[in-house]
Amino acid sequence: MTDLVIRRAAPMDAAILAANNRAMALETEGKVLDTATTLRGAAALIADESKGFYLIAERASEVAGQLMVTYEWSDWRNGTFWWIQSVYVSPASRRSGVFGALYRRVREMAADAGDVCGIRLYVETANARAQSTYVALGMQRSHYELYELDLAFGSS
């Protein structure tokens, strides 16, 4: 997508990132997230690179999509996995290569970093469209199942 600009998020982007995170949570999980909490969360990640980073895809200076990368240390590999999270593509920009462009930039950055041993993400089990996109981009289904204890939202 030559009309897309992929860039790292800056403090001025916190409000749109938080709004997109709320939209994604409502759309994918039916969860209504607190506005103030999501704004503080986005701002905290932007301010502290040890937590991770956001990438933003812009088209004509409008945010078309975003994703967040966080880190997981692997003692087995003596390297870091980058976890792709908080993926959101605006409805008008879906199926136009926005996620693919973001993903390719993450791959480039991971290769340049030198200590990244892999890229991971999780996806809703019923989201077949997203799963097919990930496979088309070269990702493979992991042999791991994901379990969690959600202390913020409780069991659901």
N, C-alpha and C. Protein backbone atom coordinates (compact mmCIF):
# COMPACT_ATOMS: atom_id res chain seq x y z
N MET A 1 0.85 -1.17 0.00
CA MET A 1 0.00 0.00 0.00
C MET A 1 0.89 1.23 0.00
N THR A 2 1.10 1.80 -1.14
CA THR A 2 1.98 2.95 -1.23
C THR A 2 1.36 4.20 -0.63
N ASP A 3 0.05 4.23 -0.48
CA ASP A 3 -0.58 5.42 0.10
C ASP A 3 -0.60 5.38 1.62
N LEU A 4 -0.10 4.33 2.21
CA LEU A 4 -0.06 4.22 3.67
C LEU A 4 1.28 4.68 4.21
N VAL A 5 1.23 5.37 5.33
CA VAL A 5 2.43 5.73 6.08
C VAL A 5 2.36 4.96 7.39
N ILE A 6 3.39 4.18 7.69
CA ILE A 6 3.47 3.44 8.94
C ILE A 6 4.46 4.16 9.84
N ARG A 7 4.02 4.47 11.05
CA ARG A 7 4.90 5.19 11.97
C ARG A 7 4.64 4.73 13.40
N ARG A 8 5.61 5.01 14.26
CA ARG A 8 5.44 4.75 15.69
C ARG A 8 4.52 5.81 16.27
N ALA A 9 3.74 5.41 17.24
CA ALA A 9 2.83 6.34 17.90
C ALA A 9 3.61 7.34 18.75
N ALA A 10 3.04 8.52 18.87
CA ALA A 10 3.59 9.60 19.69
C ALA A 10 2.55 9.97 20.75
N PRO A 11 2.95 10.73 21.76
CA PRO A 11 1.98 11.10 22.81
C PRO A 11 0.69 11.71 22.27
N MET A 12 0.76 12.46 21.18
CA MET A 12 -0.45 13.08 20.62
C MET A 12 -1.44 12.05 20.09
N ASP A 13 -1.02 10.79 19.93
CA ASP A 13 -1.88 9.74 19.39
C ASP A 13 -2.66 8.97 20.45
N ALA A 14 -2.41 9.24 21.71
CA ALA A 14 -3.00 8.42 22.78
C ALA A 14 -4.53 8.38 22.71
N ALA A 15 -5.17 9.50 22.43
CA ALA A 15 -6.64 9.53 22.43
C ALA A 15 -7.22 8.66 21.31
N ILE A 16 -6.65 8.72 20.11
CA ILE A 16 -7.19 7.91 19.01
C ILE A 16 -6.88 6.44 19.23
N LEU A 17 -5.71 6.13 19.77
CA LEU A 17 -5.38 4.74 20.09
C LEU A 17 -6.36 4.18 21.10
N ALA A 18 -6.63 4.94 22.15
CA ALA A 18 -7.55 4.50 23.19
C ALA A 18 -8.96 4.33 22.62
N ALA A 19 -9.40 5.26 21.79
CA ALA A 19 -10.74 5.15 21.18
C ALA A 19 -10.83 3.90 20.30
N ASN A 20 -9.78 3.63 19.52
CA ASN A 20 -9.77 2.43 18.68
C ASN A 20 -9.73 1.17 19.52
N ASN A 21 -9.00 1.20 20.63
CA ASN A 21 -8.98 0.03 21.52
C ASN A 21 -10.37 -0.25 22.09
N ARG A 22 -11.08 0.81 22.44
CA ARG A 22 -12.44 0.63 22.96
C ARG A 22 -13.36 0.07 21.87
N ALA A 23 -13.22 0.58 20.65
CA ALA A 23 -14.04 0.09 19.54
C ALA A 23 -13.75 -1.38 19.27
N MET A 24 -12.48 -1.76 19.30
CA MET A 24 -12.09 -3.15 19.06
C MET A 24 -12.65 -4.07 20.14
N ALA A 25 -12.56 -3.67 21.40
CA ALA A 25 -13.06 -4.50 22.50
C ALA A 25 -14.57 -4.69 22.40
N LEU A 26 -15.27 -3.64 22.04
CA LEU A 26 -16.72 -3.75 21.89
C LEU A 26 -17.07 -4.66 20.72
N GLU A 27 -16.39 -4.48 19.62
CA GLU A 27 -16.68 -5.27 18.41
C GLU A 27 -16.32 -6.74 18.57
N THR A 28 -15.17 -7.03 19.16
CA THR A 28 -14.69 -8.41 19.19
C THR A 28 -15.13 -9.19 20.41
N GLU A 29 -15.31 -8.50 21.54
CA GLU A 29 -15.61 -9.21 22.78
C GLU A 29 -16.86 -8.72 23.48
N GLY A 30 -17.50 -7.70 22.91
CA GLY A 30 -18.69 -7.15 23.54
C GLY A 30 -18.40 -6.46 24.86
N LYS A 31 -17.14 -6.01 25.05
CA LYS A 31 -16.75 -5.36 26.29
C LYS A 31 -16.73 -3.85 26.12
N VAL A 32 -17.32 -3.15 27.08
CA VAL A 32 -17.28 -1.69 27.11
C VAL A 32 -16.14 -1.31 28.06
N LEU A 33 -15.12 -0.70 27.52
CA LEU A 33 -13.96 -0.31 28.30
C LEU A 33 -14.08 1.13 28.77
N ASP A 34 -13.51 1.41 29.92
CA ASP A 34 -13.54 2.74 30.50
C ASP A 34 -12.65 3.69 29.71
N THR A 35 -13.20 4.84 29.35
CA THR A 35 -12.48 5.82 28.54
C THR A 35 -11.20 6.30 29.22
N ALA A 36 -11.30 6.69 30.48
CA ALA A 36 -10.13 7.22 31.18
C ALA A 36 -9.04 6.16 31.33
N THR A 37 -9.44 4.93 31.63
CA THR A 37 -8.47 3.85 31.80
C THR A 37 -7.74 3.55 30.50
N THR A 38 -8.48 3.48 29.39
CA THR A 38 -7.83 3.18 28.11
C THR A 38 -6.92 4.31 27.67
N LEU A 39 -7.29 5.53 27.98
CA LEU A 39 -6.43 6.67 27.64
C LEU A 39 -5.14 6.61 28.46
N ARG A 40 -5.27 6.36 29.75
CA ARG A 40 -4.06 6.23 30.59
C ARG A 40 -3.20 5.05 30.13
N GLY A 41 -3.84 3.95 29.74
CA GLY A 41 -3.09 2.78 29.29
C GLY A 41 -2.32 3.03 28.01
N ALA A 42 -2.94 3.68 27.05
CA ALA A 42 -2.25 4.01 25.79
C ALA A 42 -1.10 4.98 26.05
N ALA A 43 -1.37 5.99 26.86
CA ALA A 43 -0.34 6.98 27.17
C ALA A 43 0.83 6.34 27.92
N ALA A 44 0.54 5.41 28.82
CA ALA A 44 1.61 4.75 29.60
C ALA A 44 2.53 3.94 28.69
N LEU A 45 1.95 3.25 27.72
CA LEU A 45 2.79 2.47 26.81
C LEU A 45 3.65 3.38 25.94
N ILE A 46 3.06 4.45 25.43
CA ILE A 46 3.83 5.38 24.60
C ILE A 46 4.98 5.99 25.40
N ALA A 47 4.74 6.27 26.67
CA ALA A 47 5.76 6.93 27.51
C ALA A 47 6.86 5.99 27.97
N ASP A 48 6.62 4.68 27.94
CA ASP A 48 7.57 3.72 28.50
C ASP A 48 7.84 2.61 27.48
N GLU A 49 8.90 2.78 26.71
CA GLU A 49 9.22 1.82 25.65
C GLU A 49 9.54 0.43 26.18
N SER A 50 9.82 0.29 27.48
CA SER A 50 10.06 -1.04 28.03
C SER A 50 8.77 -1.88 28.03
N LYS A 51 7.62 -1.22 27.96
CA LYS A 51 6.34 -1.93 27.89
C LYS A 51 6.05 -2.41 26.47
N GLY A 52 6.51 -1.67 25.48
CA GLY A 52 6.23 -2.00 24.09
C GLY A 52 6.09 -0.73 23.28
N PHE A 53 5.39 -0.85 22.16
CA PHE A 53 5.18 0.31 21.29
C PHE A 53 3.95 0.08 20.43
N TYR A 54 3.39 1.16 19.95
CA TYR A 54 2.30 1.12 18.97
C TYR A 54 2.85 1.51 17.61
N LEU A 55 2.31 0.89 16.58
CA LEU A 55 2.49 1.35 15.21
C LEU A 55 1.14 1.82 14.71
N ILE A 56 1.17 2.89 13.93
CA ILE A 56 -0.03 3.46 13.34
C ILE A 56 0.12 3.46 11.83
N ALA A 57 -0.93 3.09 11.14
CA ALA A 57 -1.00 3.20 9.68
C ALA A 57 -1.90 4.39 9.36
N GLU A 58 -1.36 5.33 8.60
CA GLU A 58 -2.12 6.51 8.22
C GLU A 58 -2.30 6.55 6.70
N ARG A 59 -3.46 7.01 6.32
CA ARG A 59 -3.76 7.27 4.91
C ARG A 59 -4.35 8.68 4.87
N ALA A 60 -3.74 9.56 4.10
CA ALA A 60 -4.19 10.96 4.00
C ALA A 60 -4.30 11.59 5.39
N SER A 61 -3.30 11.34 6.22
CA SER A 61 -3.22 11.88 7.58
C SER A 61 -4.33 11.41 8.52
N GLU A 62 -5.08 10.39 8.14
CA GLU A 62 -6.11 9.79 8.99
C GLU A 62 -5.63 8.41 9.44
N VAL A 63 -5.90 8.06 10.69
CA VAL A 63 -5.50 6.75 11.20
C VAL A 63 -6.39 5.68 10.55
N ALA A 64 -5.76 4.78 9.80
CA ALA A 64 -6.47 3.68 9.15
C ALA A 64 -6.38 2.40 9.98
N GLY A 65 -5.33 2.30 10.80
CA GLY A 65 -5.16 1.10 11.61
C GLY A 65 -4.03 1.27 12.60
N GLN A 66 -3.98 0.30 13.50
CA GLN A 66 -2.95 0.34 14.55
C GLN A 66 -2.71 -1.06 15.06
N LEU A 67 -1.58 -1.21 15.70
CA LEU A 67 -1.31 -2.41 16.49
C LEU A 67 -0.33 -2.05 17.58
N MET A 68 -0.30 -2.88 18.59
CA MET A 68 0.62 -2.71 19.71
C MET A 68 1.53 -3.92 19.76
N VAL A 69 2.78 -3.70 20.09
CA VAL A 69 3.73 -4.78 20.30
C VAL A 69 4.18 -4.73 21.76
N THR A 70 4.11 -5.88 22.43
CA THR A 70 4.67 -6.02 23.77
C THR A 70 5.70 -7.14 23.73
N TYR A 71 6.42 -7.31 24.83
CA TYR A 71 7.57 -8.20 24.84
C TYR A 71 7.40 -9.36 25.81
N GLU A 72 7.96 -10.51 25.41
CA GLU A 72 8.02 -11.69 26.29
C GLU A 72 9.42 -12.28 26.17
N TRP A 73 10.11 -12.37 27.29
CA TRP A 73 11.44 -12.97 27.30
C TRP A 73 11.32 -14.48 27.22
N SER A 74 12.14 -15.11 26.38
CA SER A 74 12.19 -16.56 26.28
C SER A 74 13.55 -17.05 26.75
N ASP A 75 13.56 -17.71 27.90
CA ASP A 75 14.82 -18.28 28.37
C ASP A 75 15.24 -19.47 27.51
N TRP A 76 14.28 -20.14 26.90
CA TRP A 76 14.61 -21.27 26.02
C TRP A 76 15.38 -20.82 24.79
N ARG A 77 15.12 -19.62 24.33
CA ARG A 77 15.73 -19.13 23.10
C ARG A 77 16.75 -18.02 23.34
N ASN A 78 16.83 -17.56 24.60
CA ASN A 78 17.68 -16.42 24.93
C ASN A 78 17.37 -15.25 23.99
N GLY A 79 16.08 -15.00 23.84
CA GLY A 79 15.63 -13.93 22.97
C GLY A 79 14.24 -13.47 23.37
N THR A 80 13.76 -12.49 22.67
CA THR A 80 12.48 -11.87 22.98
C THR A 80 11.46 -12.17 21.90
N PHE A 81 10.28 -12.59 22.33
CA PHE A 81 9.14 -12.65 21.42
C PHE A 81 8.46 -11.30 21.41
N TRP A 82 8.06 -10.86 20.26
CA TRP A 82 7.21 -9.68 20.15
C TRP A 82 5.78 -10.17 19.99
N TRP A 83 4.90 -9.72 20.85
CA TRP A 83 3.48 -10.05 20.80
C TRP A 83 2.73 -8.91 20.14
N ILE A 84 2.02 -9.22 19.07
CA ILE A 84 1.14 -8.24 18.43
C ILE A 84 -0.19 -8.28 19.15
N GLN A 85 -0.64 -7.11 19.60
CA GLN A 85 -1.90 -6.99 20.32
C GLN A 85 -2.63 -5.73 19.87
N SER A 86 -3.83 -5.57 20.37
CA SER A 86 -4.62 -4.35 20.12
C SER A 86 -4.64 -3.97 18.65
N VAL A 87 -4.87 -4.96 17.80
CA VAL A 87 -4.97 -4.71 16.36
C VAL A 87 -6.33 -4.09 16.08
N TYR A 88 -6.31 -2.98 15.37
CA TYR A 88 -7.56 -2.35 14.95
C TYR A 88 -7.35 -1.72 13.59
N VAL A 89 -8.27 -2.02 12.69
CA VAL A 89 -8.31 -1.37 11.38
C VAL A 89 -9.70 -0.74 11.26
N SER A 90 -9.73 0.53 10.90
CA SER A 90 -11.02 1.21 10.79
C SER A 90 -11.91 0.49 9.78
N PRO A 91 -13.21 0.47 10.01
CA PRO A 91 -14.11 -0.24 9.10
C PRO A 91 -13.93 0.14 7.63
N ALA A 92 -13.70 1.41 7.35
CA ALA A 92 -13.54 1.86 5.96
C ALA A 92 -12.24 1.37 5.33
N SER A 93 -11.28 0.94 6.15
CA SER A 93 -9.97 0.53 5.63
C SER A 93 -9.76 -0.99 5.65
N ARG A 94 -10.75 -1.72 6.09
CA ARG A 94 -10.59 -3.17 6.18
C ARG A 94 -10.51 -3.82 4.80
N ARG A 95 -9.75 -4.91 4.76
CA ARG A 95 -9.54 -5.69 3.54
C ARG A 95 -8.83 -4.88 2.46
N SER A 96 -8.03 -3.90 2.89
CA SER A 96 -7.29 -3.08 1.91
C SER A 96 -5.78 -3.15 2.14
N GLY A 97 -5.32 -4.10 2.95
CA GLY A 97 -3.90 -4.28 3.16
C GLY A 97 -3.30 -3.52 4.33
N VAL A 98 -4.13 -2.89 5.15
CA VAL A 98 -3.61 -2.10 6.26
C VAL A 98 -2.89 -3.00 7.27
N PHE A 99 -3.55 -4.07 7.70
CA PHE A 99 -2.87 -4.95 8.66
C PHE A 99 -1.61 -5.54 8.04
N GLY A 100 -1.66 -5.95 6.79
CA GLY A 100 -0.48 -6.51 6.14
C GLY A 100 0.70 -5.55 6.16
N ALA A 101 0.42 -4.28 5.92
CA ALA A 101 1.49 -3.27 5.94
C ALA A 101 2.04 -3.10 7.35
N LEU A 102 1.18 -3.07 8.34
CA LEU A 102 1.64 -2.98 9.73
C LEU A 102 2.48 -4.20 10.10
N TYR A 103 2.00 -5.39 9.73
CA TYR A 103 2.70 -6.63 10.05
C TYR A 103 4.08 -6.67 9.38
N ARG A 104 4.15 -6.28 8.12
CA ARG A 104 5.44 -6.28 7.44
C ARG A 104 6.43 -5.33 8.13
N ARG A 105 5.93 -4.20 8.63
CA ARG A 105 6.81 -3.27 9.35
C ARG A 105 7.29 -3.88 10.66
N VAL A 106 6.41 -4.59 11.37
CA VAL A 106 6.82 -5.27 12.60
C VAL A 106 7.90 -6.29 12.28
N ARG A 107 7.72 -7.06 11.22
CA ARG A 107 8.74 -8.05 10.82
C ARG A 107 10.08 -7.39 10.54
N GLU A 108 10.06 -6.28 9.80
CA GLU A 108 11.29 -5.55 9.50
C GLU A 108 11.97 -5.07 10.78
N MET A 109 11.18 -4.49 11.67
CA MET A 109 11.73 -3.98 12.93
C MET A 109 12.30 -5.11 13.78
N ALA A 110 11.60 -6.24 13.82
CA ALA A 110 12.07 -7.39 14.59
C ALA A 110 13.39 -7.91 14.03
N ALA A 111 13.48 -8.00 12.72
CA ALA A 111 14.73 -8.46 12.10
C ALA A 111 15.87 -7.50 12.40
N ASP A 112 15.60 -6.21 12.38
CA ASP A 112 16.63 -5.21 12.65
C ASP A 112 17.05 -5.18 14.12
N ALA A 113 16.14 -5.57 15.02
CA ALA A 113 16.43 -5.50 16.45
C ALA A 113 17.55 -6.45 16.86
N GLY A 114 17.65 -7.60 16.22
CA GLY A 114 18.74 -8.52 16.50
C GLY A 114 18.51 -9.50 17.62
N ASP A 115 17.61 -9.21 18.55
CA ASP A 115 17.38 -10.12 19.67
C ASP A 115 15.96 -10.68 19.70
N VAL A 116 15.22 -10.48 18.63
CA VAL A 116 13.85 -10.96 18.57
C VAL A 116 13.86 -12.37 17.98
N CYS A 117 13.29 -13.31 18.74
CA CYS A 117 13.32 -14.71 18.30
C CYS A 117 12.00 -15.12 17.64
N GLY A 118 10.98 -14.29 17.71
CA GLY A 118 9.72 -14.63 17.06
C GLY A 118 8.67 -13.57 17.28
N ILE A 119 7.61 -13.69 16.52
CA ILE A 119 6.46 -12.79 16.61
C ILE A 119 5.24 -13.66 16.88
N ARG A 120 4.47 -13.27 17.87
CA ARG A 120 3.28 -14.02 18.25
C ARG A 120 2.08 -13.09 18.33
N LEU A 121 0.92 -13.67 18.22
CA LEU A 121 -0.32 -12.96 18.49
C LEU A 121 -1.37 -13.96 18.90
N TYR A 122 -2.44 -13.48 19.49
CA TYR A 122 -3.57 -14.33 19.77
C TYR A 122 -4.77 -13.77 19.05
N VAL A 123 -5.72 -14.64 18.79
CA VAL A 123 -6.90 -14.27 18.00
C VAL A 123 -8.10 -14.99 18.58
N GLU A 124 -9.26 -14.34 18.51
CA GLU A 124 -10.49 -14.99 18.93
C GLU A 124 -10.67 -16.28 18.12
N THR A 125 -11.06 -17.34 18.79
CA THR A 125 -11.15 -18.64 18.12
C THR A 125 -12.16 -18.64 16.98
N ALA A 126 -13.18 -17.79 17.04
CA ALA A 126 -14.20 -17.76 16.00
C ALA A 126 -13.87 -16.79 14.86
N ASN A 127 -12.76 -16.09 14.95
CA ASN A 127 -12.43 -15.08 13.95
C ASN A 127 -11.65 -15.71 12.79
N ALA A 128 -12.37 -16.43 11.95
CA ALA A 128 -11.75 -17.16 10.84
C ALA A 128 -11.12 -16.21 9.82
N ARG A 129 -11.72 -15.06 9.60
CA ARG A 129 -11.17 -14.10 8.64
C ARG A 129 -9.78 -13.65 9.07
N ALA A 130 -9.63 -13.27 10.33
CA ALA A 130 -8.32 -12.84 10.82
C ALA A 130 -7.32 -14.00 10.76
N GLN A 131 -7.75 -15.19 11.14
CA GLN A 131 -6.85 -16.33 11.11
C GLN A 131 -6.34 -16.59 9.69
N SER A 132 -7.20 -16.48 8.71
CA SER A 132 -6.77 -16.71 7.32
C SER A 132 -5.79 -15.61 6.88
N THR A 133 -5.99 -14.40 7.36
CA THR A 133 -5.06 -13.31 7.06
C THR A 133 -3.68 -13.62 7.63
N TYR A 134 -3.64 -14.08 8.88
CA TYR A 134 -2.36 -14.37 9.51
C TYR A 134 -1.62 -15.49 8.78
N VAL A 135 -2.33 -16.51 8.39
CA VAL A 135 -1.72 -17.62 7.63
C VAL A 135 -1.20 -17.11 6.29
N ALA A 136 -1.98 -16.27 5.61
CA ALA A 136 -1.56 -15.73 4.32
C ALA A 136 -0.29 -14.90 4.44
N LEU A 137 -0.05 -14.32 5.61
CA LEU A 137 1.15 -13.52 5.84
C LEU A 137 2.34 -14.35 6.31
N GLY A 138 2.15 -15.68 6.42
CA GLY A 138 3.25 -16.56 6.76
C GLY A 138 3.29 -17.04 8.20
N MET A 139 2.31 -16.64 9.00
CA MET A 139 2.27 -17.11 10.38
C MET A 139 1.67 -18.52 10.42
N GLN A 140 1.99 -19.25 11.46
CA GLN A 140 1.45 -20.60 11.63
C GLN A 140 0.74 -20.70 12.97
N ARG A 141 -0.27 -21.55 13.01
CA ARG A 141 -0.97 -21.80 14.27
C ARG A 141 0.02 -22.46 15.23
N SER A 142 0.05 -21.95 16.45
CA SER A 142 0.93 -22.48 17.47
C SER A 142 0.32 -23.74 18.09
N HIS A 143 1.14 -24.52 18.73
CA HIS A 143 0.63 -25.70 19.43
C HIS A 143 0.19 -25.36 20.85
N TYR A 144 0.27 -24.09 21.23
CA TYR A 144 -0.14 -23.67 22.57
C TYR A 144 -1.61 -23.26 22.58
N GLU A 145 -2.27 -23.52 23.70
CA GLU A 145 -3.59 -22.95 24.00
C GLU A 145 -3.35 -21.81 24.97
N LEU A 146 -4.19 -20.80 24.95
CA LEU A 146 -4.03 -19.65 25.83
C LEU A 146 -5.01 -19.77 27.00
N TYR A 147 -4.49 -19.63 28.20
CA TYR A 147 -5.30 -19.61 29.41
C TYR A 147 -5.02 -18.31 30.12
N GLU A 148 -5.98 -17.82 30.88
CA GLU A 148 -5.74 -16.59 31.61
C GLU A 148 -6.55 -16.53 32.90
N LEU A 149 -6.09 -15.72 33.79
CA LEU A 149 -6.83 -15.30 34.96
C LEU A 149 -6.93 -13.80 34.82
N ASP A 150 -8.09 -13.30 34.50
CA ASP A 150 -8.28 -11.88 34.22
C ASP A 150 -8.61 -11.15 35.51
N LEU A 151 -7.64 -10.50 36.09
CA LEU A 151 -7.82 -9.80 37.35
C LEU A 151 -8.49 -8.43 37.16
N ALA A 152 -8.45 -7.89 35.94
CA ALA A 152 -9.07 -6.59 35.69
C ALA A 152 -10.56 -6.70 35.43
N PHE A 153 -10.98 -7.72 34.69
CA PHE A 153 -12.38 -7.84 34.31
C PHE A 153 -13.09 -8.99 34.99
N GLY A 154 -12.36 -9.81 35.75
CA GLY A 154 -12.97 -10.96 36.39
C GLY A 154 -13.19 -12.10 35.41
N SER A 155 -13.66 -13.18 35.88
CA SER A 155 -13.91 -14.34 35.04
C SER A 155 -15.11 -14.07 34.16
N SER A 156 -15.02 -14.53 32.93
CA SER A 156 -16.15 -14.37 32.02
C SER A 156 -16.33 -15.59 31.16
